Amino acid sequence: MPSISEFYGLSIYMYNNGREHNPPHFHVFYGDMECVIDIHKCKKVQGKMAPNKLKLILAWCVIHKDELLHNWELATKKMDLINIAPLV
């Protein structure tokens, strides 16, 4: 599962090996926490994340929604994903 961005200790990943399923989403890891974010809704749909980190993730999702959806299209075709700028 390739990393597509990292910021503030958060690692953002998306599978590109045919294992992903709808709705379009990405995975976030922070320490021992992991969550899944729905790209269309910019909402946590699974897992646990520190509230302050979740706010950062959701803001980043809103800012980069088009790029995330483009990566989703690439992932469904088992193609290489693009890196997305971190939140600064």
PDB file of N, CA and C in Angstrom:
ATOM      1  N   MET A   1       0.867  -1.161   0.000  1.00  0.00           N
ATOM      2  CA  MET A   1       0.000   0.000   0.000  1.00  0.00           C
ATOM      3  C   MET A   1       0.918   1.230   0.000  1.00  0.00           C
ATOM      4  N   PRO A   2       0.946   1.966  -1.096  1.00  0.00           N
ATOM      5  CA  PRO A   2       1.856   3.121  -1.189  1.00  0.00           C
ATOM      6  C   PRO A   2       1.417   4.323  -0.363  1.00  0.00           C
ATOM      7  N   SER A   3       2.410   4.995   0.193  1.00  0.00           N
ATOM      8  CA  SER A   3       2.168   6.250   0.895  1.00  0.00           C
ATOM      9  C   SER A   3       1.976   7.345  -0.146  1.00  0.00           C
ATOM     10  N   ILE A   4       0.947   8.183   0.054  1.00  0.00           N
ATOM     11  CA  ILE A   4       0.718   9.286  -0.887  1.00  0.00           C
ATOM     12  C   ILE A   4       0.983  10.646  -0.240  1.00  0.00           C
ATOM     13  N   SER A   5       1.099  10.688   1.091  1.00  0.00           N
ATOM     14  CA  SER A   5       1.435  11.938   1.772  1.00  0.00           C
ATOM     15  C   SER A   5       1.774  11.652   3.227  1.00  0.00           C
ATOM     16  N   GLU A   6       2.566  12.550   3.816  1.00  0.00           N
ATOM     17  CA  GLU A   6       2.900  12.467   5.234  1.00  0.00           C
ATOM     18  C   GLU A   6       3.004  13.870   5.789  1.00  0.00           C
ATOM     19  N   PHE A   7       2.408  14.109   6.955  1.00  0.00           N
ATOM     20  CA  PHE A   7       2.494  15.400   7.629  1.00  0.00           C
ATOM     21  C   PHE A   7       2.075  15.246   9.078  1.00  0.00           C
ATOM     22  N   TYR A   8       2.710  16.010   9.945  1.00  0.00           N
ATOM     23  CA  TYR A   8       2.408  16.033  11.385  1.00  0.00           C
ATOM     24  C   TYR A   8       2.336  14.636  12.004  1.00  0.00           C
ATOM     25  N   GLY A   9       3.200  13.740  11.541  1.00  0.00           N
ATOM     26  CA  GLY A   9       3.221  12.377  12.057  1.00  0.00           C
ATOM     27  C   GLY A   9       2.175  11.458  11.464  1.00  0.00           C
ATOM     28  N   LEU A  10       1.347  11.978  10.553  1.00  0.00           N
ATOM     29  CA  LEU A  10       0.296  11.192   9.897  1.00  0.00           C
ATOM     30  C   LEU A  10       0.836  10.612   8.594  1.00  0.00           C
ATOM     31  N   SER A  11       0.537   9.368   8.336  1.00  0.00           N
ATOM     32  CA  SER A  11       0.913   8.716   7.082  1.00  0.00           C
ATOM     33  C   SER A  11      -0.358   8.352   6.339  1.00  0.00           C
ATOM     34  N   ILE A  12      -0.475   8.831   5.090  1.00  0.00           N
ATOM     35  CA  ILE A  12      -1.665   8.631   4.273  1.00  0.00           C
ATOM     36  C   ILE A  12      -1.349   7.594   3.198  1.00  0.00           C
ATOM     37  N   TYR A  13      -2.191   6.579   3.099  1.00  0.00           N
ATOM     38  CA  TYR A  13      -1.977   5.476   2.156  1.00  0.00           C
ATOM     39  C   TYR A  13      -3.235   5.194   1.354  1.00  0.00           C
ATOM     40  N   MET A  14      -3.010   4.593   0.170  1.00  0.00           N
ATOM     41  CA  MET A  14      -4.112   4.102  -0.650  1.00  0.00           C
ATOM     42  C   MET A  14      -3.609   2.849  -1.372  1.00  0.00           C
ATOM     43  N   TYR A  15      -4.385   1.779  -1.323  1.00  0.00           N
ATOM     44  CA  TYR A  15      -4.015   0.566  -2.042  1.00  0.00           C
ATOM     45  C   TYR A  15      -4.110   0.813  -3.544  1.00  0.00           C
ATOM     46  N   ASN A  16      -3.184   0.209  -4.310  1.00  0.00           N
ATOM     47  CA  ASN A  16      -3.285   0.265  -5.755  1.00  0.00           C
ATOM     48  C   ASN A  16      -3.060  -1.120  -6.371  1.00  0.00           C
ATOM     49  N   ASN A  17      -3.448  -2.143  -5.614  1.00  0.00           N
ATOM     50  CA  ASN A  17      -3.227  -3.513  -6.065  1.00  0.00           C
ATOM     51  C   ASN A  17      -4.538  -4.256  -6.332  1.00  0.00           C
ATOM     52  N   GLY A  18      -5.613  -3.522  -6.546  1.00  0.00           N
ATOM     53  CA  GLY A  18      -6.899  -4.151  -6.821  1.00  0.00           C
ATOM     54  C   GLY A  18      -7.673  -4.550  -5.585  1.00  0.00           C
ATOM     55  N   ARG A  19      -7.161  -4.252  -4.395  1.00  0.00           N
ATOM     56  CA  ARG A  19      -7.829  -4.651  -3.145  1.00  0.00           C
ATOM     57  C   ARG A  19      -8.831  -3.623  -2.652  1.00  0.00           C
ATOM     58  N   GLU A  20      -8.794  -2.413  -3.214  1.00  0.00           N
ATOM     59  CA  GLU A  20      -9.692  -1.372  -2.727  1.00  0.00           C
ATOM     60  C   GLU A  20     -11.131  -1.630  -3.158  1.00  0.00           C
ATOM     61  N   HIS A  21     -12.041  -1.029  -2.451  1.00  0.00           N
ATOM     62  CA  HIS A  21     -13.474  -1.197  -2.685  1.00  0.00           C
ATOM     63  C   HIS A  21     -14.139   0.158  -2.530  1.00  0.00           C
ATOM     64  N   ASN A  22     -15.286   0.334  -3.130  1.00  0.00           N
ATOM     65  CA  ASN A  22     -16.032   1.588  -3.001  1.00  0.00           C
ATOM     66  C   ASN A  22     -16.640   1.692  -1.613  1.00  0.00           C
ATOM     67  N   PRO A  23     -16.885   2.888  -1.122  1.00  0.00           N
ATOM     68  CA  PRO A  23     -16.676   4.183  -1.759  1.00  0.00           C
ATOM     69  C   PRO A  23     -15.196   4.555  -1.755  1.00  0.00           C
ATOM     70  N   PRO A  24     -14.795   5.506  -2.618  1.00  0.00           N
ATOM     71  CA  PRO A  24     -13.404   5.948  -2.641  1.00  0.00           C
ATOM     72  C   PRO A  24     -12.961   6.407  -1.254  1.00  0.00           C
ATOM     73  N   HIS A  25     -11.791   5.945  -0.828  1.00  0.00           N
ATOM     74  CA  HIS A  25     -11.313   6.242   0.516  1.00  0.00           C
ATOM     75  C   HIS A  25      -9.800   6.144   0.580  1.00  0.00           C
ATOM     76  N   PHE A  26      -9.244   6.588   1.701  1.00  0.00           N
ATOM     77  CA  PHE A  26      -7.826   6.405   1.961  1.00  0.00           C
ATOM     78  C   PHE A  26      -7.648   6.011   3.418  1.00  0.00           C
ATOM     79  N   HIS A  27      -6.469   5.510   3.727  1.00  0.00           N
ATOM     80  CA  HIS A  27      -6.129   5.020   5.056  1.00  0.00           C
ATOM     81  C   HIS A  27      -5.136   5.980   5.694  1.00  0.00           C
ATOM     82  N   VAL A  28      -5.293   6.194   6.989  1.00  0.00           N
ATOM     83  CA  VAL A  28      -4.389   7.073   7.729  1.00  0.00           C
ATOM     84  C   VAL A  28      -3.854   6.327   8.945  1.00  0.00           C
ATOM     85  N   PHE A  29      -2.538   6.416   9.136  1.00  0.00           N
ATOM     86  CA  PHE A  29      -1.885   5.808  10.283  1.00  0.00           C
ATOM     87  C   PHE A  29      -1.203   6.898  11.103  1.00  0.00           C
ATOM     88  N   TYR A  30      -1.370   6.803  12.417  1.00  0.00           N
ATOM     89  CA  TYR A  30      -0.712   7.719  13.345  1.00  0.00           C
ATOM     90  C   TYR A  30      -0.421   6.920  14.609  1.00  0.00           C
ATOM     91  N   GLY A  31       0.852   6.641  14.854  1.00  0.00           N
ATOM     92  CA  GLY A  31       1.204   5.799  15.993  1.00  0.00           C
ATOM     93  C   GLY A  31       0.521   4.452  15.869  1.00  0.00           C
ATOM     94  N   ASP A  32      -0.231   4.068  16.911  1.00  0.00           N
ATOM     95  CA  ASP A  32      -0.940   2.797  16.863  1.00  0.00           C
ATOM     96  C   ASP A  32      -2.398   2.952  16.422  1.00  0.00           C
ATOM     97  N   MET A  33      -2.742   4.140  15.958  1.00  0.00           N
ATOM     98  CA  MET A  33      -4.111   4.390  15.490  1.00  0.00           C
ATOM     99  C   MET A  33      -4.178   4.319  13.971  1.00  0.00           C
ATOM    100  N   GLU A  34      -5.340   3.904  13.486  1.00  0.00           N
ATOM    101  CA  GLU A  34      -5.586   3.830  12.042  1.00  0.00           C
ATOM    102  C   GLU A  34      -7.044   4.180  11.800  1.00  0.00           C
ATOM    103  N   CYS A  35      -7.290   4.894  10.711  1.00  0.00           N
ATOM    104  CA  CYS A  35      -8.670   5.159  10.322  1.00  0.00           C
ATOM    105  C   CYS A  35      -8.785   5.183   8.805  1.00  0.00           C
ATOM    106  N   VAL A  36     -10.023   5.129   8.349  1.00  0.00           N
ATOM    107  CA  VAL A  36     -10.336   5.176   6.921  1.00  0.00           C
ATOM    108  C   VAL A  36     -11.212   6.399   6.702  1.00  0.00           C
ATOM    109  N   ILE A  37     -10.883   7.170   5.655  1.00  0.00           N
ATOM    110  CA  ILE A  37     -11.591   8.408   5.346  1.00  0.00           C
ATOM    111  C   ILE A  37     -12.287   8.279   3.998  1.00  0.00           C
ATOM    112  N   ASP A  38     -13.585   8.542   3.965  1.00  0.00           N
ATOM    113  CA  ASP A  38     -14.362   8.595   2.732  1.00  0.00           C
ATOM    114  C   ASP A  38     -13.986   9.888   2.009  1.00  0.00           C
ATOM    115  N   ILE A  39     -13.531   9.780   0.769  1.00  0.00           N
ATOM    116  CA  ILE A  39     -13.063  10.957   0.037  1.00  0.00           C
ATOM    117  C   ILE A  39     -14.218  11.882  -0.338  1.00  0.00           C
ATOM    118  N   HIS A  40     -15.327  11.338  -0.816  1.00  0.00           N
ATOM    119  CA  HIS A  40     -16.448  12.183  -1.233  1.00  0.00           C
ATOM    120  C   HIS A  40     -17.031  12.979  -0.065  1.00  0.00           C
ATOM    121  N   LYS A  41     -17.161  12.333   1.079  1.00  0.00           N
ATOM    122  CA  LYS A  41     -17.779  12.981   2.245  1.00  0.00           C
ATOM    123  C   LYS A  41     -16.771  13.663   3.159  1.00  0.00           C
ATOM    124  N   CYS A  42     -15.472  13.407   2.936  1.00  0.00           N
ATOM    125  CA  CYS A  42     -14.415  13.901   3.832  1.00  0.00           C
ATOM    126  C   CYS A  42     -14.817  13.609   5.274  1.00  0.00           C
ATOM    127  N   LYS A  43     -15.063  12.332   5.526  1.00  0.00           N
ATOM    128  CA  LYS A  43     -15.562  11.885   6.823  1.00  0.00           C
ATOM    129  C   LYS A  43     -14.903  10.564   7.200  1.00  0.00           C
ATOM    130  N   LYS A  44     -14.590  10.407   8.489  1.00  0.00           N
ATOM    131  CA  LYS A  44     -14.056   9.127   8.981  1.00  0.00           C
ATOM    132  C   LYS A  44     -15.168   8.090   8.943  1.00  0.00           C
ATOM    133  N   VAL A  45     -14.878   6.936   8.343  1.00  0.00           N
ATOM    134  CA  VAL A  45     -15.887   5.882   8.249  1.00  0.00           C
ATOM    135  C   VAL A  45     -15.498   4.625   9.023  1.00  0.00           C
ATOM    136  N   GLN A  46     -14.242   4.577   9.473  1.00  0.00           N
ATOM    137  CA  GLN A  46     -13.810   3.382  10.186  1.00  0.00           C
ATOM    138  C   GLN A  46     -12.556   3.702  10.985  1.00  0.00           C
ATOM    139  N   GLY A  47     -12.384   3.033  12.106  1.00  0.00           N
ATOM    140  CA  GLY A  47     -11.167   3.130  12.881  1.00  0.00           C
ATOM    141  C   GLY A  47     -11.183   4.220  13.937  1.00  0.00           C
ATOM    142  N   LYS A  48      -9.993   4.457  14.500  1.00  0.00           N
ATOM    143  CA  LYS A  48      -9.832   5.447  15.563  1.00  0.00           C
ATOM    144  C   LYS A  48      -8.719   6.408  15.189  1.00  0.00           C
ATOM    145  N   MET A  49      -8.899   7.674  15.611  1.00  0.00           N
ATOM    146  CA  MET A  49      -7.884   8.689  15.383  1.00  0.00           C
ATOM    147  C   MET A  49      -8.046   9.760  16.450  1.00  0.00           C
ATOM    148  N   ALA A  50      -6.930  10.317  16.888  1.00  0.00           N
ATOM    149  CA  ALA A  50      -6.967  11.409  17.858  1.00  0.00           C
ATOM    150  C   ALA A  50      -7.776  12.565  17.260  1.00  0.00           C
ATOM    151  N   PRO A  51      -8.694  13.156  18.033  1.00  0.00           N
ATOM    152  CA  PRO A  51      -9.556  14.217  17.495  1.00  0.00           C
ATOM    153  C   PRO A  51      -8.807  15.368  16.841  1.00  0.00           C
ATOM    154  N   ASN A  52      -7.701  15.808  17.438  1.00  0.00           N
ATOM    155  CA  ASN A  52      -6.954  16.920  16.837  1.00  0.00           C
ATOM    156  C   ASN A  52      -6.315  16.511  15.508  1.00  0.00           C
ATOM    157  N   LYS A  53      -5.876  15.270  15.397  1.00  0.00           N
ATOM    158  CA  LYS A  53      -5.299  14.775  14.139  1.00  0.00           C
ATOM    159  C   LYS A  53      -6.397  14.568  13.096  1.00  0.00           C
ATOM    160  N   LEU A  54      -7.564  14.118  13.526  1.00  0.00           N
ATOM    161  CA  LEU A  54      -8.668  13.913  12.592  1.00  0.00           C
ATOM    162  C   LEU A  54      -9.062  15.237  11.934  1.00  0.00           C
ATOM    163  N   LYS A  55      -9.054  16.317  12.689  1.00  0.00           N
ATOM    164  CA  LYS A  55      -9.378  17.637  12.114  1.00  0.00           C
ATOM    165  C   LYS A  55      -8.395  17.996  11.005  1.00  0.00           C
ATOM    166  N   LEU A  56      -7.118  17.716  11.223  1.00  0.00           N
ATOM    167  CA  LEU A  56      -6.108  17.985  10.204  1.00  0.00           C
ATOM    168  C   LEU A  56      -6.337  17.127   8.959  1.00  0.00           C
ATOM    169  N   ILE A  57      -6.627  15.864   9.180  1.00  0.00           N
ATOM    170  CA  ILE A  57      -6.852  14.936   8.066  1.00  0.00           C
ATOM    171  C   ILE A  57      -8.043  15.389   7.224  1.00  0.00           C
ATOM    172  N   LEU A  58      -9.139  15.739   7.882  1.00  0.00           N
ATOM    173  CA  LEU A  58     -10.350  16.131   7.148  1.00  0.00           C
ATOM    174  C   LEU A  58     -10.140  17.443   6.397  1.00  0.00           C
ATOM    175  N   ALA A  59      -9.397  18.379   6.981  1.00  0.00           N
ATOM    176  CA  ALA A  59      -9.084  19.623   6.274  1.00  0.00           C
ATOM    177  C   ALA A  59      -8.238  19.326   5.041  1.00  0.00           C
ATOM    178  N   TRP A  60      -7.258  18.453   5.183  1.00  0.00           N
ATOM    179  CA  TRP A  60      -6.408  18.052   4.065  1.00  0.00           C
ATOM    180  C   TRP A  60      -7.238  17.372   2.982  1.00  0.00           C
ATOM    181  N   CYS A  61      -8.177  16.540   3.376  1.00  0.00           N
ATOM    182  CA  CYS A  61      -9.048  15.851   2.428  1.00  0.00           C
ATOM    183  C   CYS A  61      -9.853  16.859   1.600  1.00  0.00           C
ATOM    184  N   VAL A  62     -10.404  17.863   2.240  1.00  0.00           N
ATOM    185  CA  VAL A  62     -11.185  18.889   1.529  1.00  0.00           C
ATOM    186  C   VAL A  62     -10.293  19.615   0.511  1.00  0.00           C
ATOM    187  N   ILE A  63      -9.106  19.994   0.941  1.00  0.00           N
ATOM    188  CA  ILE A  63      -8.187  20.736   0.080  1.00  0.00           C
ATOM    189  C   ILE A  63      -7.756  19.914  -1.131  1.00  0.00           C
ATOM    190  N   HIS A  64      -7.552  18.627  -0.932  1.00  0.00           N
ATOM    191  CA  HIS A  64      -6.973  17.775  -1.974  1.00  0.00           C
ATOM    192  C   HIS A  64      -7.957  16.744  -2.546  1.00  0.00           C
ATOM    193  N   LYS A  65      -9.234  17.011  -2.427  1.00  0.00           N
ATOM    194  CA  LYS A  65     -10.246  16.039  -2.864  1.00  0.00           C
ATOM    195  C   LYS A  65     -10.057  15.625  -4.328  1.00  0.00           C
ATOM    196  N   ASP A  66      -9.833  16.581  -5.221  1.00  0.00           N
ATOM    197  CA  ASP A  66      -9.669  16.241  -6.644  1.00  0.00           C
ATOM    198  C   ASP A  66      -8.469  15.331  -6.870  1.00  0.00           C
ATOM    199  N   GLU A  67      -7.364  15.629  -6.207  1.00  0.00           N
ATOM    200  CA  GLU A  67      -6.171  14.791  -6.337  1.00  0.00           C
ATOM    201  C   GLU A  67      -6.399  13.402  -5.750  1.00  0.00           C
ATOM    202  N   LEU A  68      -7.117  13.337  -4.639  1.00  0.00           N
ATOM    203  CA  LEU A  68      -7.426  12.044  -4.027  1.00  0.00           C
ATOM    204  C   LEU A  68      -8.300  11.200  -4.948  1.00  0.00           C
ATOM    205  N   LEU A  69      -9.295  11.831  -5.566  1.00  0.00           N
ATOM    206  CA  LEU A  69     -10.165  11.091  -6.485  1.00  0.00           C
ATOM    207  C   LEU A  69      -9.392  10.651  -7.725  1.00  0.00           C
ATOM    208  N   HIS A  70      -8.457  11.475  -8.183  1.00  0.00           N
ATOM    209  CA  HIS A  70      -7.605  11.067  -9.306  1.00  0.00           C
ATOM    210  C   HIS A  70      -6.773   9.847  -8.904  1.00  0.00           C
ATOM    211  N   ASN A  71      -6.195   9.880  -7.701  1.00  0.00           N
ATOM    212  CA  ASN A  71      -5.437   8.723  -7.217  1.00  0.00           C
ATOM    213  C   ASN A  71      -6.327   7.490  -7.118  1.00  0.00           C
ATOM    214  N   TRP A  72      -7.572   7.690  -6.697  1.00  0.00           N
ATOM    215  CA  TRP A  72      -8.497   6.557  -6.606  1.00  0.00           C
ATOM    216  C   TRP A  72      -8.676   5.908  -7.979  1.00  0.00           C
ATOM    217  N   GLU A  73      -8.843   6.735  -9.005  1.00  0.00           N
ATOM    218  CA  GLU A  73      -8.977   6.212 -10.375  1.00  0.00           C
ATOM    219  C   GLU A  73      -7.729   5.439 -10.777  1.00  0.00           C
ATOM    220  N   LEU A  74      -6.563   5.979 -10.457  1.00  0.00           N
ATOM    221  CA  LEU A  74      -5.316   5.270 -10.753  1.00  0.00           C
ATOM    222  C   LEU A  74      -5.251   3.945 -10.000  1.00  0.00           C
ATOM    223  N   ALA A  75      -5.652   3.969  -8.737  1.00  0.00           N
ATOM    224  CA  ALA A  75      -5.609   2.761  -7.905  1.00  0.00           C
ATOM    225  C   ALA A  75      -6.506   1.667  -8.468  1.00  0.00           C
ATOM    226  N   THR A  76      -7.688   2.045  -8.963  1.00  0.00           N
ATOM    227  CA  THR A  76      -8.609   1.027  -9.497  1.00  0.00           C
ATOM    228  C   THR A  76      -8.045   0.401 -10.773  1.00  0.00           C
ATOM    229  N   LYS A  77      -7.107   1.103 -11.419  1.00  0.00           N
ATOM    230  CA  LYS A  77      -6.458   0.586 -12.633  1.00  0.00           C
ATOM    231  C   LYS A  77      -5.105  -0.043 -12.318  1.00  0.00           C
ATOM    232  N   LYS A  78      -4.800  -0.177 -11.027  1.00  0.00           N
ATOM    233  CA  LYS A  78      -3.544  -0.756 -10.552  1.00  0.00           C
ATOM    234  C   LYS A  78      -2.331  -0.004 -11.086  1.00  0.00           C
ATOM    235  N   MET A  79      -2.465   1.321 -11.168  1.00  0.00           N
ATOM    236  CA  MET A  79      -1.381   2.168 -11.652  1.00  0.00           C
ATOM    237  C   MET A  79      -0.671   2.842 -10.478  1.00  0.00           C
ATOM    238  N   ASP A  80       0.503   3.397 -10.763  1.00  0.00           N
ATOM    239  CA  ASP A  80       1.245   4.121  -9.729  1.00  0.00           C
ATOM    240  C   ASP A  80       0.456   5.348  -9.294  1.00  0.00           C
ATOM    241  N   LEU A  81       0.498   5.635  -8.001  1.00  0.00           N
ATOM    242  CA  LEU A  81      -0.214   6.778  -7.439  1.00  0.00           C
ATOM    243  C   LEU A  81       0.706   7.991  -7.372  1.00  0.00           C
ATOM    244  N   ILE A  82       0.098   9.174  -7.379  1.00  0.00           N
ATOM    245  CA  ILE A  82       0.868  10.400  -7.273  1.00  0.00           C
ATOM    246  C   ILE A  82       0.967  10.823  -5.803  1.00  0.00           C
ATOM    247  N   ASN A  83       2.058  11.457  -5.461  1.00  0.00           N
ATOM    248  CA  ASN A  83       2.187  12.028  -4.117  1.00  0.00           C
ATOM    249  C   ASN A  83       1.360  13.297  -4.054  1.00  0.00           C
ATOM    250  N   ILE A  84       0.789  13.558  -2.904  1.00  0.00           N
ATOM    251  CA  ILE A  84      -0.039  14.743  -2.698  1.00  0.00           C
ATOM    252  C   ILE A  84       0.636  15.593  -1.624  1.00  0.00           C
ATOM    253  N   ALA A  85       0.659  16.891  -1.866  1.00  0.00           N
ATOM    254  CA  ALA A  85       1.329  17.814  -0.947  1.00  0.00           C
ATOM    255  C   ALA A  85       0.795  17.667   0.472  1.00  0.00           C
ATOM    256  N   PRO A  86       1.674  17.775   1.449  1.00  0.00           N
ATOM    257  CA  PRO A  86       1.243  17.685   2.845  1.00  0.00           C
ATOM    258  C   PRO A  86       0.536  18.961   3.286  1.00  0.00           C
ATOM    259  N   LEU A  87      -0.127  18.865   4.409  1.00  0.00           N
ATOM    260  CA  LEU A  87      -0.729  20.033   5.041  1.00  0.00           C
ATOM    261  C   LEU A  87       0.413  20.803   5.725  1.00  0.00           C
ATOM    262  N   VAL A  88       0.492  22.092   5.472  1.00  0.00           N
ATOM    263  CA  VAL A  88       1.566  22.892   6.081  1.00  0.00           C
ATOM    264  C   VAL A  88       0.981  24.059   6.840  1.00  0.00           C
TER     265      VAL A  88
END
